[in-house]
PDB file of all heavy atoms in Angstrom:
ATOM      1  N   GLU A   1      53.775  55.078  42.026  1.00  0.00           N
ATOM      2  CA  GLU A   1      54.291  53.679  42.120  1.00  0.00           C
ATOM      3  C   GLU A   1      53.081  52.657  41.774  1.00  0.00           C
ATOM      4  O   GLU A   1      53.402  51.684  41.024  1.00  0.00           O
ATOM      5  CB  GLU A   1      55.025  53.345  43.355  1.00  0.00           C
ATOM      6  CG  GLU A   1      54.144  53.509  44.664  1.00  0.00           C
ATOM      7  CD  GLU A   1      54.300  54.837  45.289  1.00  0.00           C
ATOM      8  OE1 GLU A   1      54.699  55.766  44.632  1.00  0.00           O
ATOM      9  OE2 GLU A   1      53.782  54.878  46.397  1.00  0.00           O
ATOM     10  N   TYR A   2      51.982  52.984  42.182  1.00  0.00           N
ATOM     11  CA  TYR A   2      50.869  52.074  41.782  1.00  0.00           C
ATOM     12  C   TYR A   2      50.519  52.098  40.329  1.00  0.00           C
ATOM     13  O   TYR A   2      50.359  51.117  39.664  1.00  0.00           O
ATOM     14  CB  TYR A   2      49.610  52.435  42.637  1.00  0.00           C
ATOM     15  CG  TYR A   2      48.445  51.550  42.217  1.00  0.00           C
ATOM     16  CD1 TYR A   2      48.259  50.342  42.872  1.00  0.00           C
ATOM     17  CD2 TYR A   2      47.468  52.006  41.294  1.00  0.00           C
ATOM     18  CE1 TYR A   2      47.112  49.526  42.570  1.00  0.00           C
ATOM     19  CE2 TYR A   2      46.406  51.240  40.993  1.00  0.00           C
ATOM     20  CZ  TYR A   2      46.266  50.006  41.525  1.00  0.00           C
ATOM     21  OH  TYR A   2      45.133  49.222  41.246  1.00  0.00           O
ATOM     22  N   LYS A   3      50.683  53.262  39.743  1.00  0.00           N
ATOM     23  CA  LYS A   3      50.465  53.459  38.288  1.00  0.00           C
ATOM     24  C   LYS A   3      51.483  52.699  37.543  1.00  0.00           C
ATOM     25  O   LYS A   3      51.182  52.038  36.493  1.00  0.00           O
ATOM     26  CB  LYS A   3      50.416  54.912  37.895  1.00  0.00           C
ATOM     27  CG  LYS A   3      49.212  55.635  38.432  1.00  0.00           C
ATOM     28  CD  LYS A   3      49.412  57.206  38.237  1.00  0.00           C
ATOM     29  CE  LYS A   3      48.406  57.986  38.929  1.00  0.00           C
ATOM     30  NZ  LYS A   3      48.539  59.370  38.762  1.00  0.00           N
ATOM     31  N   LEU A   4      52.716  52.833  37.949  1.00  0.00           N
ATOM     32  CA  LEU A   4      53.750  52.055  37.252  1.00  0.00           C
ATOM     33  C   LEU A   4      53.604  50.534  37.397  1.00  0.00           C
ATOM     34  O   LEU A   4      53.863  49.828  36.289  1.00  0.00           O
ATOM     35  CB  LEU A   4      55.141  52.567  37.809  1.00  0.00           C
ATOM     36  CG  LEU A   4      55.671  53.957  37.611  1.00  0.00           C
ATOM     37  CD1 LEU A   4      56.778  54.323  38.285  1.00  0.00           C
ATOM     38  CD2 LEU A   4      55.833  54.133  35.996  1.00  0.00           C
ATOM     39  N   ALA A   5      53.202  50.179  38.549  1.00  0.00           N
ATOM     40  CA  ALA A   5      52.993  48.651  38.584  1.00  0.00           C
ATOM     41  C   ALA A   5      51.900  48.176  37.718  1.00  0.00           C
ATOM     42  O   ALA A   5      51.996  47.105  37.042  1.00  0.00           O
ATOM     43  CB  ALA A   5      52.742  48.305  40.115  1.00  0.00           C
ATOM     44  N   THR A   6      50.900  48.918  37.639  1.00  0.00           N
ATOM     45  CA  THR A   6      49.719  48.672  36.763  1.00  0.00           C
ATOM     46  C   THR A   6      50.175  48.582  35.237  1.00  0.00           C
ATOM     47  O   THR A   6      49.853  47.792  34.532  1.00  0.00           O
ATOM     48  CB  THR A   6      48.644  49.708  36.922  1.00  0.00           C
ATOM     49  OG1 THR A   6      48.118  49.587  38.357  1.00  0.00           O
ATOM     50  CG2 THR A   6      47.396  49.286  36.139  1.00  0.00           C
ATOM     51  N   ILE A   7      50.871  49.604  34.817  1.00  0.00           N
ATOM     52  CA  ILE A   7      51.545  49.672  33.553  1.00  0.00           C
ATOM     53  C   ILE A   7      52.366  48.452  33.227  1.00  0.00           C
ATOM     54  O   ILE A   7      52.306  47.884  32.220  1.00  0.00           O
ATOM     55  CB  ILE A   7      52.145  51.045  33.210  1.00  0.00           C
ATOM     56  CG1 ILE A   7      51.315  52.191  33.249  1.00  0.00           C
ATOM     57  CG2 ILE A   7      53.015  50.963  31.888  1.00  0.00           C
ATOM     58  CD1 ILE A   7      51.968  53.591  33.307  1.00  0.00           C
ATOM     59  N   ASN A   8      53.223  48.145  34.206  1.00  0.00           N
ATOM     60  CA  ASN A   8      54.134  47.030  34.155  1.00  0.00           C
ATOM     61  C   ASN A   8      53.413  45.761  33.833  1.00  0.00           C
ATOM     62  O   ASN A   8      53.803  45.059  32.978  1.00  0.00           O
ATOM     63  CB  ASN A   8      54.984  46.993  35.388  1.00  0.00           C
ATOM     64  CG  ASN A   8      56.032  45.888  35.172  1.00  0.00           C
ATOM     65  OD1 ASN A   8      57.026  46.194  34.389  1.00  0.00           O
ATOM     66  ND2 ASN A   8      56.191  44.900  36.041  1.00  0.00           N
ATOM     67  N   ALA A   9      52.352  45.541  34.611  1.00  0.00           N
ATOM     68  CA  ALA A   9      51.636  44.217  34.496  1.00  0.00           C
ATOM     69  C   ALA A   9      50.309  44.278  33.684  1.00  0.00           C
ATOM     70  O   ALA A   9      49.768  43.294  33.256  1.00  0.00           O
ATOM     71  CB  ALA A   9      51.189  43.813  36.031  1.00  0.00           C
ATOM     72  N   MET A  10      50.105  45.474  33.181  1.00  0.00           N
ATOM     73  CA  MET A  10      48.846  45.732  32.379  1.00  0.00           C
ATOM     74  C   MET A  10      47.584  45.165  33.090  1.00  0.00           C
ATOM     75  O   MET A  10      46.667  44.610  32.420  1.00  0.00           O
ATOM     76  CB  MET A  10      49.001  45.107  30.993  1.00  0.00           C
ATOM     77  CG  MET A  10      50.156  45.863  30.291  1.00  0.00           C
ATOM     78  SD  MET A  10      50.525  45.497  28.558  1.00  0.00           S
ATOM     79  CE  MET A  10      49.947  43.937  28.112  1.00  0.00           C
ATOM     80  N   ARG A  11      47.530  45.373  34.456  1.00  0.00           N
ATOM     81  CA  ARG A  11      46.345  44.967  35.235  1.00  0.00           C
ATOM     82  C   ARG A  11      46.484  45.744  36.536  1.00  0.00           C
ATOM     83  O   ARG A  11      47.475  46.228  36.914  1.00  0.00           O
ATOM     84  CB  ARG A  11      46.398  43.371  35.476  1.00  0.00           C
ATOM     85  CG  ARG A  11      47.600  42.888  36.286  1.00  0.00           C
ATOM     86  CD  ARG A  11      47.357  41.402  36.466  1.00  0.00           C
ATOM     87  NE  ARG A  11      48.501  40.867  37.179  1.00  0.00           N
ATOM     88  CZ  ARG A  11      48.752  40.928  38.449  1.00  0.00           C
ATOM     89  NH1 ARG A  11      47.960  41.565  39.276  1.00  0.00           N
ATOM     90  NH2 ARG A  11      49.927  40.313  39.028  1.00  0.00           N
ATOM     91  N   GLY A  12      45.391  45.693  37.239  1.00  0.00           N
ATOM     92  CA  GLY A  12      45.436  46.272  38.609  1.00  0.00           C
ATOM     93  C   GLY A  12      46.115  45.526  39.772  1.00  0.00           C
ATOM     94  O   GLY A  12      46.384  44.249  39.432  1.00  0.00           O
ATOM     95  N   PHE A  13      46.429  46.066  40.707  1.00  0.00           N
ATOM     96  CA  PHE A  13      47.230  45.592  41.819  1.00  0.00           C
ATOM     97  C   PHE A  13      46.450  46.002  43.162  1.00  0.00           C
ATOM     98  O   PHE A  13      45.914  47.123  43.212  1.00  0.00           O
ATOM     99  CB  PHE A  13      48.621  46.141  41.957  1.00  0.00           C
ATOM    100  CG  PHE A  13      49.503  45.256  40.949  1.00  0.00           C
ATOM    101  CD1 PHE A  13      49.949  45.920  39.748  1.00  0.00           C
ATOM    102  CD2 PHE A  13      50.077  44.188  41.341  1.00  0.00           C
ATOM    103  CE1 PHE A  13      50.720  45.179  38.981  1.00  0.00           C
ATOM    104  CE2 PHE A  13      51.009  43.543  40.603  1.00  0.00           C
ATOM    105  CZ  PHE A  13      51.369  44.016  39.426  1.00  0.00           C
ATOM    106  N   ALA A  14      46.790  45.245  44.102  1.00  0.00           N
ATOM    107  CA  ALA A  14      46.418  45.719  45.461  1.00  0.00           C
ATOM    108  C   ALA A  14      47.504  46.828  45.802  1.00  0.00           C
ATOM    109  O   ALA A  14      48.574  46.780  45.373  1.00  0.00           O
ATOM    110  CB  ALA A  14      46.527  44.578  46.508  1.00  0.00           C
ATOM    111  N   LYS A  15      47.068  47.812  46.543  1.00  0.00           N
ATOM    112  CA  LYS A  15      47.859  48.947  46.800  1.00  0.00           C
ATOM    113  C   LYS A  15      49.158  48.565  47.537  1.00  0.00           C
ATOM    114  O   LYS A  15      50.165  49.246  47.601  1.00  0.00           O
ATOM    115  CB  LYS A  15      47.103  50.043  47.445  1.00  0.00           C
ATOM    116  CG  LYS A  15      46.129  50.650  46.540  1.00  0.00           C
ATOM    117  CD  LYS A  15      45.689  51.940  46.842  1.00  0.00           C
ATOM    118  CE  LYS A  15      44.602  52.526  46.167  1.00  0.00           C
ATOM    119  NZ  LYS A  15      44.496  52.386  44.670  1.00  0.00           N
ATOM    120  N   ASP A  16      49.060  47.375  48.420  1.00  0.00           N
ATOM    121  CA  ASP A  16      50.154  46.870  49.243  1.00  0.00           C
ATOM    122  C   ASP A  16      50.994  45.761  48.476  1.00  0.00           C
ATOM    123  O   ASP A  16      51.836  45.250  49.216  1.00  0.00           O
ATOM    124  CB  ASP A  16      49.677  46.579  50.506  1.00  0.00           C
ATOM    125  CG  ASP A  16      48.763  45.429  50.602  1.00  0.00           C
ATOM    126  OD1 ASP A  16      48.182  45.005  49.410  1.00  0.00           O
ATOM    127  OD2 ASP A  16      48.380  44.825  51.562  1.00  0.00           O
ATOM    128  N   ASP A  17      50.746  45.674  47.222  1.00  0.00           N
ATOM    129  CA  ASP A  17      51.509  44.601  46.564  1.00  0.00           C
ATOM    130  C   ASP A  17      52.937  44.849  46.447  1.00  0.00           C
ATOM    131  O   ASP A  17      53.413  46.016  46.449  1.00  0.00           O
ATOM    132  CB  ASP A  17      51.009  44.539  45.062  1.00  0.00           C
ATOM    133  CG  ASP A  17      51.582  43.380  44.298  1.00  0.00           C
ATOM    134  OD1 ASP A  17      52.598  43.460  43.732  1.00  0.00           O
ATOM    135  OD2 ASP A  17      50.982  42.270  44.150  1.00  0.00           O
ATOM    136  N   ILE A  18      53.720  43.763  46.456  1.00  0.00           N
ATOM    137  CA  ILE A  18      55.244  43.917  46.562  1.00  0.00           C
ATOM    138  C   ILE A  18      55.789  44.741  45.359  1.00  0.00           C
ATOM    139  O   ILE A  18      56.828  45.442  45.480  1.00  0.00           O
ATOM    140  CB  ILE A  18      55.912  42.645  46.650  1.00  0.00           C
ATOM    141  CG1 ILE A  18      57.460  42.695  46.988  1.00  0.00           C
ATOM    142  CG2 ILE A  18      55.679  41.697  45.398  1.00  0.00           C
ATOM    143  CD1 ILE A  18      57.697  43.230  48.360  1.00  0.00           C
ATOM    144  N   THR A  19      55.142  44.620  44.107  1.00  0.00           N
ATOM    145  CA  THR A  19      55.572  45.300  42.965  1.00  0.00           C
ATOM    146  C   THR A  19      55.526  46.846  43.174  1.00  0.00           C
ATOM    147  O   THR A  19      56.240  47.666  42.679  1.00  0.00           O
ATOM    148  CB  THR A  19      54.823  44.808  41.704  1.00  0.00           C
ATOM    149  OG1 THR A  19      54.973  43.460  41.601  1.00  0.00           O
ATOM    150  CG2 THR A  19      55.292  45.414  40.459  1.00  0.00           C
ATOM    151  N   VAL A  20      54.375  47.208  43.752  1.00  0.00           N
ATOM    152  CA  VAL A  20      54.071  48.664  44.071  1.00  0.00           C
ATOM    153  C   VAL A  20      55.256  49.126  44.984  1.00  0.00           C
ATOM    154  O   VAL A  20      55.874  50.159  44.748  1.00  0.00           O
ATOM    155  CB  VAL A  20      52.738  48.888  44.663  1.00  0.00           C
ATOM    156  CG1 VAL A  20      52.606  50.374  45.138  1.00  0.00           C
ATOM    157  CG2 VAL A  20      51.671  48.399  43.689  1.00  0.00           C
ATOM    158  N   ALA A  21      55.524  48.304  46.050  1.00  0.00           N
ATOM    159  CA  ALA A  21      56.700  48.728  46.924  1.00  0.00           C
ATOM    160  C   ALA A  21      57.957  48.783  46.202  1.00  0.00           C
ATOM    161  O   ALA A  21      58.832  49.710  46.401  1.00  0.00           O
ATOM    162  CB  ALA A  21      56.749  47.717  48.078  1.00  0.00           C
ATOM    163  N   ARG A  22      58.256  47.874  45.200  1.00  0.00           N
ATOM    164  CA  ARG A  22      59.470  47.972  44.385  1.00  0.00           C
ATOM    165  C   ARG A  22      59.662  49.154  43.639  1.00  0.00           C
ATOM    166  O   ARG A  22      60.631  49.865  43.462  1.00  0.00           O
ATOM    167  CB  ARG A  22      59.590  46.647  43.499  1.00  0.00           C
ATOM    168  CG  ARG A  22      60.874  46.661  42.863  1.00  0.00           C
ATOM    169  CD  ARG A  22      62.197  46.488  43.732  1.00  0.00           C
ATOM    170  NE  ARG A  22      63.414  46.709  42.995  1.00  0.00           N
ATOM    171  CZ  ARG A  22      64.342  47.449  43.364  1.00  0.00           C
ATOM    172  NH1 ARG A  22      64.322  47.988  44.565  1.00  0.00           N
ATOM    173  NH2 ARG A  22      65.501  47.547  42.694  1.00  0.00           N
ATOM    174  N   PHE A  23      58.541  49.528  42.933  1.00  0.00           N
ATOM    175  CA  PHE A  23      58.540  50.862  42.145  1.00  0.00           C
ATOM    176  C   PHE A  23      58.647  52.006  43.033  1.00  0.00           C
ATOM    177  O   PHE A  23      59.396  52.971  42.760  1.00  0.00           O
ATOM    178  CB  PHE A  23      57.121  50.909  41.430  1.00  0.00           C
ATOM    179  CG  PHE A  23      57.284  50.209  40.009  1.00  0.00           C
ATOM    180  CD1 PHE A  23      56.434  49.070  39.775  1.00  0.00           C
ATOM    181  CD2 PHE A  23      58.135  50.778  38.978  1.00  0.00           C
ATOM    182  CE1 PHE A  23      56.676  48.491  38.562  1.00  0.00           C
ATOM    183  CE2 PHE A  23      58.144  50.054  37.724  1.00  0.00           C
ATOM    184  CZ  PHE A  23      57.340  48.916  37.571  1.00  0.00           C
ATOM    185  N   ARG A  24      58.116  52.105  44.230  1.00  0.00           N
ATOM    186  CA  ARG A  24      58.342  53.118  45.214  1.00  0.00           C
ATOM    187  C   ARG A  24      59.757  53.204  45.489  1.00  0.00           C
ATOM    188  O   ARG A  24      60.342  54.350  45.497  1.00  0.00           O
ATOM    189  CB  ARG A  24      57.451  52.885  46.543  1.00  0.00           C
ATOM    190  CG  ARG A  24      57.693  53.939  47.541  1.00  0.00           C
ATOM    191  CD  ARG A  24      56.830  53.702  48.791  1.00  0.00           C
ATOM    192  NE  ARG A  24      55.432  53.317  48.503  1.00  0.00           N
ATOM    193  CZ  ARG A  24      54.945  52.124  48.641  1.00  0.00           C
ATOM    194  NH1 ARG A  24      55.726  51.140  49.174  1.00  0.00           N
ATOM    195  NH2 ARG A  24      53.736  51.913  48.500  1.00  0.00           N
ATOM    196  N   SER A  25      60.520  52.160  45.808  1.00  0.00           N
ATOM    197  CA  SER A  25      61.870  52.164  46.098  1.00  0.00           C
ATOM    198  C   SER A  25      62.746  52.571  44.934  1.00  0.00           C
ATOM    199  O   SER A  25      63.568  53.396  45.124  1.00  0.00           O
ATOM    200  CB  SER A  25      62.274  50.680  46.543  1.00  0.00           C
ATOM    201  OG  SER A  25      63.632  50.692  46.887  1.00  0.00           O
ATOM    202  N   LEU A  26      62.402  51.987  43.783  1.00  0.00           N
ATOM    203  CA  LEU A  26      63.216  52.554  42.659  1.00  0.00           C
ATOM    204  C   LEU A  26      63.030  53.978  42.307  1.00  0.00           C
ATOM    205  O   LEU A  26      63.978  54.607  41.970  1.00  0.00           O
ATOM    206  CB  LEU A  26      62.622  51.724  41.302  1.00  0.00           C
ATOM    207  CG  LEU A  26      63.233  50.365  41.199  1.00  0.00           C
ATOM    208  CD1 LEU A  26      62.338  49.506  40.036  1.00  0.00           C
ATOM    209  CD2 LEU A  26      64.665  50.285  40.909  1.00  0.00           C
ATOM    210  N   LEU A  27      61.792  54.570  42.427  1.00  0.00           N
ATOM    211  CA  LEU A  27      61.569  55.970  42.236  1.00  0.00           C
ATOM    212  C   LEU A  27      62.485  56.789  43.208  1.00  0.00           C
ATOM    213  O   LEU A  27      63.069  57.769  42.821  1.00  0.00           O
ATOM    214  CB  LEU A  27      60.079  56.311  42.259  1.00  0.00           C
ATOM    215  CG  LEU A  27      59.240  55.973  41.066  1.00  0.00           C
ATOM    216  CD1 LEU A  27      57.820  56.060  41.444  1.00  0.00           C
ATOM    217  CD2 LEU A  27      59.538  56.630  39.824  1.00  0.00           C
ATOM    218  N   ARG A  28      62.442  56.296  44.459  1.00  0.00           N
ATOM    219  CA  ARG A  28      63.269  57.046  45.493  1.00  0.00           C
ATOM    220  C   ARG A  28      64.719  56.989  45.136  1.00  0.00           C
ATOM    221  O   ARG A  28      65.367  58.005  45.268  1.00  0.00           O
ATOM    222  CB  ARG A  28      62.968  56.470  46.786  1.00  0.00           C
ATOM    223  CG  ARG A  28      63.637  57.153  48.105  1.00  0.00           C
ATOM    224  CD  ARG A  28      63.511  56.385  49.396  1.00  0.00           C
ATOM    225  NE  ARG A  28      63.695  55.080  49.285  1.00  0.00           N
ATOM    226  CZ  ARG A  28      64.921  54.475  49.277  1.00  0.00           C
ATOM    227  NH1 ARG A  28      66.049  55.136  49.263  1.00  0.00           N
ATOM    228  NH2 ARG A  28      65.041  53.095  49.268  1.00  0.00           N
ATOM    229  N   GLN A  29      65.188  55.787  44.770  1.00  0.00           N
ATOM    230  CA  GLN A  29      66.611  55.611  44.600  1.00  0.00           C
ATOM    231  C   GLN A  29      66.986  56.437  43.385  1.00  0.00           C
ATOM    232  O   GLN A  29      68.013  57.116  43.310  1.00  0.00           O
ATOM    233  CB  GLN A  29      67.037  54.096  44.408  1.00  0.00           C
ATOM    234  CG  GLN A  29      66.845  53.451  45.698  1.00  0.00           C
ATOM    235  CD  GLN A  29      67.021  51.887  45.474  1.00  0.00           C
ATOM    236  OE1 GLN A  29      68.143  51.473  45.103  1.00  0.00           O
ATOM    237  NE2 GLN A  29      65.989  51.181  45.543  1.00  0.00           N
ATOM    238  N   LEU A  30      66.276  56.360  42.328  1.00  0.00           N
ATOM    239  CA  LEU A  30      66.565  57.020  41.020  1.00  0.00           C
ATOM    240  C   LEU A  30      66.566  58.479  41.151  1.00  0.00           C
ATOM    241  O   LEU A  30      67.366  59.279  40.709  1.00  0.00           O
ATOM    242  CB  LEU A  30      65.618  56.532  39.931  1.00  0.00           C
ATOM    243  CG  LEU A  30      65.857  55.129  39.376  1.00  0.00           C
ATOM    244  CD1 LEU A  30      64.727  54.557  38.480  1.00  0.00           C
ATOM    245  CD2 LEU A  30      67.223  55.015  38.666  1.00  0.00           C
TER     246      LEU A  30
END
């Protein structure tokens, strides 16, 4: 999910960023 958030924004993120959590949730649901 961190990798997806980074690809999405084309920059790094804090590991607890809300976007990382959203990708985690999407991966689980999908």
